[in-house]
Amino acid sequence: MLISGGCGFVGRHVTKHVLKNHLTDSIWLVDDLFTGRDPATWLPTCFTPTTLSSTCTAFEHGGRIVYFVKNDVRKFFAEYLNSPFIRNLPRFGDVIHLASIVGGRALIDGDPLLVATDLSIDAEMFHWARVVKPDRILYPSSSAAYPIDLQGTDGSVPLKESYIQFNQSLGLPDMTYGWSKLTGEYLAHIAAKSYGLHVTCIRPFSGYGEDQEPVYPVPAIAERAARKENPIIVWGTGLQARDFVHIDDCVDFLFRALETIGDGSGVNIGSGVLTNFLEVARTFADIGGYSPEIRPLVDKPVGVQNRYADMTVLRTRFKWSPSTSLRDGFSKVYDAACQRIAGDENWCRISRL
């Protein structure tokens, strides 16, 4: 199995899920650590590292090996096709293509051409896949690919998979990030239709988790609550709302989708429930046992007003819905924030008394 961007937030959880639930002998992680974390800091400590080259480390335990290649994934794909050494690597069965430029709303709005690097990353991956033909490809699109005119203050609706169809007019996606993901989905559609590749597209909504980087709103607000800040700051009016889903649920469904969808079409991963950021802050404050003022910062970027998933396909076709409640998931994020701040796992419990 190859996981591009395997050291990022989602990649780490996918890797751990595979190690726990799948029989794959080896996993290859390719990541330049632009936002990712070295596997030595998050793989189970039972995995013993061995340096194979200046860019490759093998982590082994019980006959299972995780290879980490520190490299720009675009260079890796090019070298795989052209370098005699790289060509000796195994043929990959499953490819989980998570490599992308990510960094929250500030990056999407503040440095839009950096985010557009995803176009280059995806083009290299699909060109590589056209040549080597892996068994299955998972392409993570995004809810940002949906038309923004369906996500406004007055006209927001639950977003159905059928709202993105490449044989009809497409709406305007969310900034360059949305455009890059919509383009990636189109390449996935072509890869499946014209080259016979098994490609699955998923459209996650607002994923979050305990080890997510604090440039994202959920861990950032959790940390403010863990520090007992008063007021707690939220960006925008705080009335903008999202569909939050825990990373464990995202990864669980990712593999269900990979088993079922192969024609390049996309499927939502969400909860179908809107929660605004005032409610997010109040929930974390309540978990922390205090009642601060919630203060909006209206000069900060906020994105669309309301974005949430239509759950019809998930519930009828896949019989699936998230298993982690918002309260339980936020409690985990809050506890992790407390531990990071205090360096003491008991601090969080004491702070609630």
Protein backbone atom coordinates (compact mmCIF):
# COMPACT_ATOMS: atom_id res chain seq x y z
CA MET A 1 0.00 0.00 0.00
CA LEU A 2 1.17 3.50 -0.86
CA ILE A 3 -0.05 6.47 1.16
CA SER A 4 1.00 9.79 -0.32
CA GLY A 5 0.99 12.52 2.29
CA GLY A 6 1.04 9.69 4.78
CA CYS A 7 2.48 11.75 7.64
CA GLY A 8 -0.25 14.38 7.70
CA PHE A 9 -3.28 14.39 9.98
CA VAL A 10 -5.40 12.05 7.85
CA GLY A 11 -2.42 9.99 6.70
CA ARG A 12 -1.36 9.19 10.25
CA HIS A 13 -4.82 7.90 11.09
CA VAL A 14 -5.08 5.90 7.87
CA THR A 15 -1.70 4.29 8.60
CA LYS A 16 -2.68 3.34 12.14
CA HIS A 17 -6.01 1.99 10.89
CA VAL A 18 -4.26 -0.20 8.31
CA LEU A 19 -1.78 -1.52 10.88
CA LYS A 20 -4.64 -2.41 13.21
CA ASN A 21 -7.23 -3.76 10.78
CA HIS A 22 -5.54 -4.92 7.56
CA LEU A 23 -3.02 -7.61 6.70
CA THR A 24 -0.87 -5.51 4.36
CA ASP A 25 2.76 -6.59 4.82
CA SER A 26 4.22 -3.21 3.95
CA ILE A 27 3.06 0.39 3.87
CA TRP A 28 4.93 3.08 1.97
CA LEU A 29 4.55 6.64 3.22
CA VAL A 30 5.74 9.46 0.98
CA ASP A 31 5.74 12.90 2.57
CA ASP A 32 8.00 15.94 2.47
CA LEU A 33 6.89 16.89 6.03
CA PHE A 34 5.70 20.32 4.88
CA THR A 35 2.89 19.89 7.40
CA GLY A 36 3.35 16.23 8.31
CA ARG A 37 5.15 14.66 11.26
CA ASP A 38 8.05 12.22 11.15
CA PRO A 39 6.76 8.65 11.70
CA ALA A 40 9.29 8.21 14.50
CA THR A 41 7.10 10.53 16.58
CA TRP A 42 3.75 8.77 16.07
CA LEU A 43 4.19 5.15 14.97
CA PRO A 44 3.87 2.59 17.80
CA THR A 45 7.13 2.41 19.71
CA CYS A 46 7.42 -1.32 18.94
CA PHE A 47 8.37 -0.42 15.34
CA THR A 48 12.15 -0.33 15.06
CA PRO A 49 13.62 2.20 12.60
CA THR A 50 16.41 1.36 10.16
CA THR A 51 17.92 4.01 7.90
CA LEU A 52 18.05 2.70 4.33
CA SER A 53 19.17 5.90 2.61
CA SER A 54 19.24 9.65 3.14
CA THR A 55 15.56 9.81 2.23
CA CYS A 56 14.19 6.39 3.25
CA THR A 57 13.66 4.81 6.67
CA ALA A 58 12.11 1.42 7.38
CA PHE A 59 10.11 0.86 10.58
CA GLU A 60 9.63 -2.86 11.31
CA HIS A 61 7.72 -4.94 13.83
CA GLY A 62 6.54 -8.54 13.68
CA GLY A 63 7.21 -8.90 9.98
CA ARG A 64 5.34 -5.74 9.06
CA ILE A 65 7.25 -2.80 7.63
CA VAL A 66 6.38 0.85 7.26
CA TYR A 67 8.68 2.57 4.78
CA PHE A 68 8.96 6.33 5.04
CA VAL A 69 10.27 8.23 2.02
CA LYS A 70 10.94 11.87 2.79
CA ASN A 71 10.37 13.48 -0.58
CA ASP A 72 8.06 15.66 -2.59
CA VAL A 73 5.50 13.16 -3.81
CA ARG A 74 5.67 14.61 -7.33
CA LYS A 75 9.36 13.77 -7.48
CA PHE A 76 8.65 10.30 -6.12
CA PHE A 77 6.08 9.58 -8.86
CA ALA A 78 8.45 10.86 -11.56
CA GLU A 79 11.39 8.85 -10.24
CA TYR A 80 9.25 5.72 -9.93
CA LEU A 81 8.71 5.86 -13.68
CA ASN A 82 12.22 6.90 -14.70
CA SER A 83 14.77 5.77 -12.08
CA PRO A 84 16.13 2.17 -12.24
CA PHE A 85 16.32 2.07 -8.41
CA ILE A 86 12.80 3.29 -7.83
CA ARG A 87 11.42 0.95 -10.50
CA ASN A 88 12.56 -1.94 -8.32
CA LEU A 89 10.01 -0.96 -5.69
CA PRO A 90 7.00 -3.24 -5.33
CA ARG A 91 3.86 -2.74 -7.37
CA PHE A 92 1.36 -1.04 -5.11
CA GLY A 93 -2.08 -2.59 -4.75
CA ASP A 94 -3.89 0.25 -3.00
CA VAL A 95 -2.93 3.90 -3.33
CA ILE A 96 -4.37 6.32 -0.77
CA HIS A 97 -3.56 9.69 -2.29
CA LEU A 98 -3.62 12.20 0.58
CA ALA A 99 -0.78 14.49 -0.48
CA SER A 100 -1.94 18.10 -0.74
CA ILE A 101 -1.27 21.58 0.52
CA VAL A 102 -3.55 22.14 3.53
CA GLY A 103 -3.65 24.64 6.35
CA GLY A 104 -7.11 25.86 7.25
CA ARG A 105 -9.12 28.87 6.15
CA ALA A 106 -6.31 31.37 6.62
CA LEU A 107 -4.19 29.54 4.02
CA ILE A 108 -7.06 29.01 1.57
CA ASP A 109 -7.97 32.70 1.61
CA GLY A 110 -4.55 34.17 2.31
CA ASP A 111 -2.29 32.21 -0.07
CA PRO A 112 -4.58 30.76 -2.74
CA LEU A 113 -1.86 29.94 -5.28
CA LEU A 114 0.01 27.83 -2.73
CA VAL A 115 -3.11 25.72 -2.32
CA ALA A 116 -3.29 25.43 -6.11
CA THR A 117 -0.11 23.32 -5.92
CA ASP A 118 -2.57 20.48 -5.41
CA LEU A 119 -3.28 20.63 -9.16
CA SER A 120 0.34 19.68 -9.86
CA ILE A 121 0.38 16.97 -7.21
CA ASP A 122 -2.79 15.33 -8.52
CA ALA A 123 -1.70 15.54 -12.15
CA GLU A 124 1.55 13.70 -11.37
CA MET A 125 -0.30 11.01 -9.41
CA PHE A 126 -2.85 10.29 -12.14
CA HIS A 127 -0.16 10.28 -14.83
CA TRP A 128 1.80 7.77 -12.73
CA ALA A 129 -1.31 5.66 -12.10
CA ARG A 130 -2.13 5.58 -15.82
CA VAL A 131 1.24 3.92 -16.41
CA VAL A 132 1.61 1.57 -13.43
CA LYS A 133 -2.11 0.73 -12.94
CA PRO A 134 -2.44 0.09 -9.20
CA ASP A 135 -5.37 -2.06 -8.13
CA ARG A 136 -7.30 0.72 -6.41
CA ILE A 137 -6.93 4.46 -5.87
CA LEU A 138 -8.56 6.54 -3.14
CA TYR A 139 -8.80 10.20 -4.09
CA PRO A 140 -9.89 12.52 -1.27
CA SER A 141 -11.88 15.37 -2.69
CA SER A 142 -13.62 17.80 -0.35
CA SER A 143 -16.94 19.35 0.49
CA ALA A 144 -15.28 22.55 -0.79
CA ALA A 145 -15.89 21.20 -4.31
CA TYR A 146 -19.64 21.84 -3.97
CA PRO A 147 -21.17 25.02 -5.43
CA ILE A 148 -20.93 27.87 -2.95
CA ASP A 149 -24.30 29.29 -4.01
CA LEU A 150 -25.88 26.32 -2.18
CA GLN A 151 -24.12 27.27 1.07
CA GLY A 152 -25.18 30.86 1.72
CA THR A 153 -27.10 32.51 4.54
CA ASP A 154 -30.46 32.30 2.78
CA GLY A 155 -30.08 29.42 0.36
CA SER A 156 -28.11 26.69 2.10
CA VAL A 157 -29.21 23.10 1.56
CA PRO A 158 -27.78 19.70 2.50
CA LEU A 159 -25.26 18.92 -0.20
CA LYS A 160 -26.07 15.89 -2.33
CA GLU A 161 -23.47 13.90 -4.25
CA SER A 162 -25.52 14.47 -7.41
CA TYR A 163 -24.81 18.22 -7.27
CA ILE A 164 -21.45 17.48 -8.90
CA GLN A 165 -21.94 15.94 -12.34
CA PHE A 166 -19.37 16.37 -15.10
CA ASN A 167 -21.94 15.96 -17.87
CA GLN A 168 -23.80 19.11 -16.84
CA SER A 169 -23.07 22.66 -15.72
CA LEU A 170 -20.99 22.93 -12.56
CA GLY A 171 -21.33 25.60 -9.90
CA LEU A 172 -18.53 27.70 -8.45
CA PRO A 173 -16.53 25.76 -5.82
CA ASP A 174 -14.86 27.28 -2.77
CA MET A 175 -11.70 29.21 -3.74
CA THR A 176 -8.65 27.58 -5.34
CA TYR A 177 -8.84 24.67 -2.90
CA GLY A 178 -12.33 23.81 -4.11
CA TRP A 179 -11.25 24.19 -7.74
CA SER A 180 -8.27 21.89 -7.21
CA LYS A 181 -10.46 19.19 -5.67
CA LEU A 182 -13.11 19.52 -8.36
CA THR A 183 -10.39 19.17 -10.99
CA GLY A 184 -8.98 16.15 -9.16
CA GLU A 185 -12.41 14.52 -9.23
CA TYR A 186 -12.58 15.14 -12.97
CA LEU A 187 -9.22 13.43 -13.43
CA ALA A 188 -10.49 10.53 -11.30
CA HIS A 189 -13.56 10.29 -13.54
CA ILE A 190 -11.35 10.18 -16.65
CA ALA A 191 -8.96 7.67 -15.07
CA ALA A 192 -11.82 5.30 -14.39
CA LYS A 193 -13.73 5.80 -17.64
CA SER A 194 -10.86 5.99 -20.13
CA TYR A 195 -8.17 3.86 -18.46
CA GLY A 196 -10.18 1.31 -16.51
CA LEU A 197 -8.69 2.27 -13.15
CA HIS A 198 -10.56 1.60 -9.92
CA VAL A 199 -10.87 5.08 -8.41
CA THR A 200 -12.89 6.13 -5.38
CA CYS A 201 -13.58 9.76 -4.51
CA ILE A 202 -14.67 10.83 -1.06
CA ARG A 203 -15.95 14.28 -0.04
CA PRO A 204 -15.23 14.75 3.66
CA PHE A 205 -16.88 17.61 5.45
CA SER A 206 -15.22 19.19 8.51
CA GLY A 207 -13.02 16.44 9.88
CA TYR A 208 -11.37 16.92 13.24
CA GLY A 209 -9.43 14.94 15.84
CA GLU A 210 -7.18 15.00 18.86
CA ASP A 211 -3.89 15.44 16.98
CA GLN A 212 -5.09 17.86 14.34
CA GLU A 213 -2.92 20.94 13.88
CA PRO A 214 -4.23 24.04 15.69
CA VAL A 215 -4.45 26.06 12.45
CA TYR A 216 -7.86 24.38 12.20
CA PRO A 217 -10.77 25.80 14.21
CA VAL A 218 -11.77 22.83 16.37
CA PRO A 219 -8.34 22.20 17.99
CA ALA A 220 -7.71 25.96 18.15
CA ILE A 221 -10.94 26.64 20.05
CA ALA A 222 -10.37 23.57 22.23
CA GLU A 223 -6.97 24.94 23.23
CA ARG A 224 -8.48 28.31 24.13
CA ALA A 225 -11.00 26.56 26.36
CA ALA A 226 -8.30 24.35 27.89
CA ARG A 227 -6.40 27.51 28.83
CA LYS A 228 -9.63 28.87 30.38
CA GLU A 229 -9.48 31.94 28.18
CA ASN A 230 -12.18 34.54 28.77
CA PRO A 231 -13.33 35.66 26.32
CA ILE A 232 -12.98 32.77 23.87
CA ILE A 233 -12.31 34.13 20.41
CA VAL A 234 -14.04 32.71 17.31
CA TRP A 235 -13.51 33.91 13.75
CA GLY A 236 -16.28 35.74 11.92
CA THR A 237 -19.67 36.23 13.49
CA GLY A 238 -19.53 32.69 14.85
CA LEU A 239 -22.84 31.96 13.15
CA GLN A 240 -21.18 30.27 10.18
CA ALA A 241 -21.81 26.55 10.57
CA ARG A 242 -20.17 23.29 9.50
CA ASP A 243 -20.78 19.55 9.52
CA PHE A 244 -18.21 18.09 11.93
CA VAL A 245 -17.12 14.46 11.74
CA HIS A 246 -14.42 12.76 13.83
CA ILE A 247 -11.34 11.47 12.02
CA ASP A 248 -11.96 7.88 13.17
CA ASP A 249 -15.33 7.93 11.41
CA CYS A 250 -13.76 9.46 8.30
CA VAL A 251 -11.15 6.71 8.08
CA ASP A 252 -13.70 3.98 8.80
CA PHE A 253 -15.86 5.07 5.89
CA LEU A 254 -12.90 5.73 3.59
CA PHE A 255 -12.18 2.02 3.40
CA ARG A 256 -15.85 1.12 2.99
CA ALA A 257 -16.02 3.46 0.02
CA LEU A 258 -12.81 2.04 -1.48
CA GLU A 259 -14.34 -1.43 -1.44
CA THR A 260 -17.54 -0.32 -3.15
CA ILE A 261 -16.91 2.60 -5.52
CA GLY A 262 -14.57 2.25 -8.49
CA ASP A 263 -15.95 4.49 -11.23
CA GLY A 264 -14.43 7.74 -9.98
CA SER A 265 -17.67 9.04 -8.51
CA GLY A 266 -17.74 10.86 -5.19
CA VAL A 267 -19.49 10.18 -1.89
CA ASN A 268 -19.94 12.37 1.17
CA ILE A 269 -18.48 11.75 4.60
CA GLY A 270 -20.40 13.79 7.14
CA SER A 271 -23.03 13.76 9.85
CA GLY A 272 -25.76 15.85 8.23
CA VAL A 273 -25.83 18.15 11.28
CA LEU A 274 -24.97 21.85 11.24
CA THR A 275 -23.10 23.28 14.23
CA ASN A 276 -22.05 26.92 14.25
CA PHE A 277 -18.83 28.16 15.82
CA LEU A 278 -20.56 29.88 18.72
CA GLU A 279 -21.92 26.43 19.61
CA VAL A 280 -18.48 24.91 19.15
CA ALA A 281 -17.00 27.38 21.64
CA ARG A 282 -19.85 26.92 24.12
CA THR A 283 -19.48 23.14 23.94
CA PHE A 284 -15.75 23.27 24.69
CA ALA A 285 -16.32 25.76 27.52
CA ASP A 286 -19.00 23.50 28.98
CA ILE A 287 -16.66 20.50 28.75
CA GLY A 288 -14.07 22.63 30.56
CA GLY A 289 -16.55 23.58 33.28
CA TYR A 290 -16.73 27.35 32.89
CA SER A 291 -18.86 30.02 31.16
CA PRO A 292 -16.76 32.56 29.27
CA GLU A 293 -17.85 35.30 26.95
CA ILE A 294 -17.72 34.19 23.30
CA ARG A 295 -16.24 37.03 21.25
CA PRO A 296 -16.45 37.05 17.43
CA LEU A 297 -13.67 38.51 15.26
CA VAL A 298 -15.57 39.71 12.21
CA ASP A 299 -12.41 40.74 10.30
CA LYS A 300 -11.17 37.16 10.00
CA PRO A 301 -11.84 34.88 6.97
CA VAL A 302 -14.81 32.59 7.48
CA GLY A 303 -15.66 30.90 4.17
CA VAL A 304 -19.23 29.97 3.30
CA GLN A 305 -22.08 30.41 5.76
CA ASN A 306 -23.47 26.85 6.00
CA ARG A 307 -21.94 23.61 4.71
CA TYR A 308 -23.39 20.21 5.56
CA ALA A 309 -23.86 16.80 3.99
CA ASP A 310 -26.95 15.19 2.62
CA MET A 311 -26.86 11.75 4.26
CA THR A 312 -29.24 9.89 1.93
CA VAL A 313 -26.59 7.90 0.07
CA LEU A 314 -24.64 7.14 3.24
CA ARG A 315 -27.71 5.86 5.06
CA THR A 316 -29.50 4.03 2.25
CA ARG A 317 -26.66 2.59 0.17
CA PHE A 318 -23.99 2.13 2.84
CA LYS A 319 -26.13 1.86 6.01
CA TRP A 320 -23.59 4.18 7.61
CA SER A 321 -23.56 7.13 9.96
CA PRO A 322 -20.80 8.45 12.26
CA SER A 323 -20.39 6.53 15.51
CA THR A 324 -18.70 9.36 17.44
CA SER A 325 -21.07 11.98 18.83
CA LEU A 326 -20.02 15.62 18.66
CA ARG A 327 -19.83 15.84 22.44
CA ASP A 328 -17.68 12.72 22.77
CA GLY A 329 -15.40 13.76 19.92
CA PHE A 330 -14.96 17.27 21.29
CA SER A 331 -14.22 15.84 24.75
CA LYS A 332 -11.34 13.85 23.26
CA VAL A 333 -10.01 16.95 21.53
CA TYR A 334 -10.31 18.98 24.74
CA ASP A 335 -8.47 16.34 26.78
CA ALA A 336 -5.69 16.24 24.21
CA ALA A 337 -5.39 20.03 24.33
CA CYS A 338 -5.12 19.91 28.11
CA GLN A 339 -2.36 17.34 27.94
CA ARG A 340 -0.41 19.36 25.41
CA ILE A 341 -0.68 22.48 27.52
CA ALA A 342 0.10 20.97 30.88
CA GLY A 343 2.18 17.95 29.99
CA ASP A 344 0.20 16.11 32.66
CA GLU A 345 -2.71 13.80 31.82
CA ASN A 346 -4.31 14.54 35.20
CA TRP A 347 -4.38 18.29 34.70
CA CYS A 348 -7.51 18.18 32.57
CA ARG A 349 -9.50 16.24 35.17
CA ILE A 350 -8.31 18.52 37.98
CA SER A 351 -9.14 21.64 35.96
CA ARG A 352 -12.77 20.55 35.71
CA LEU A 353 -13.27 20.34 39.50
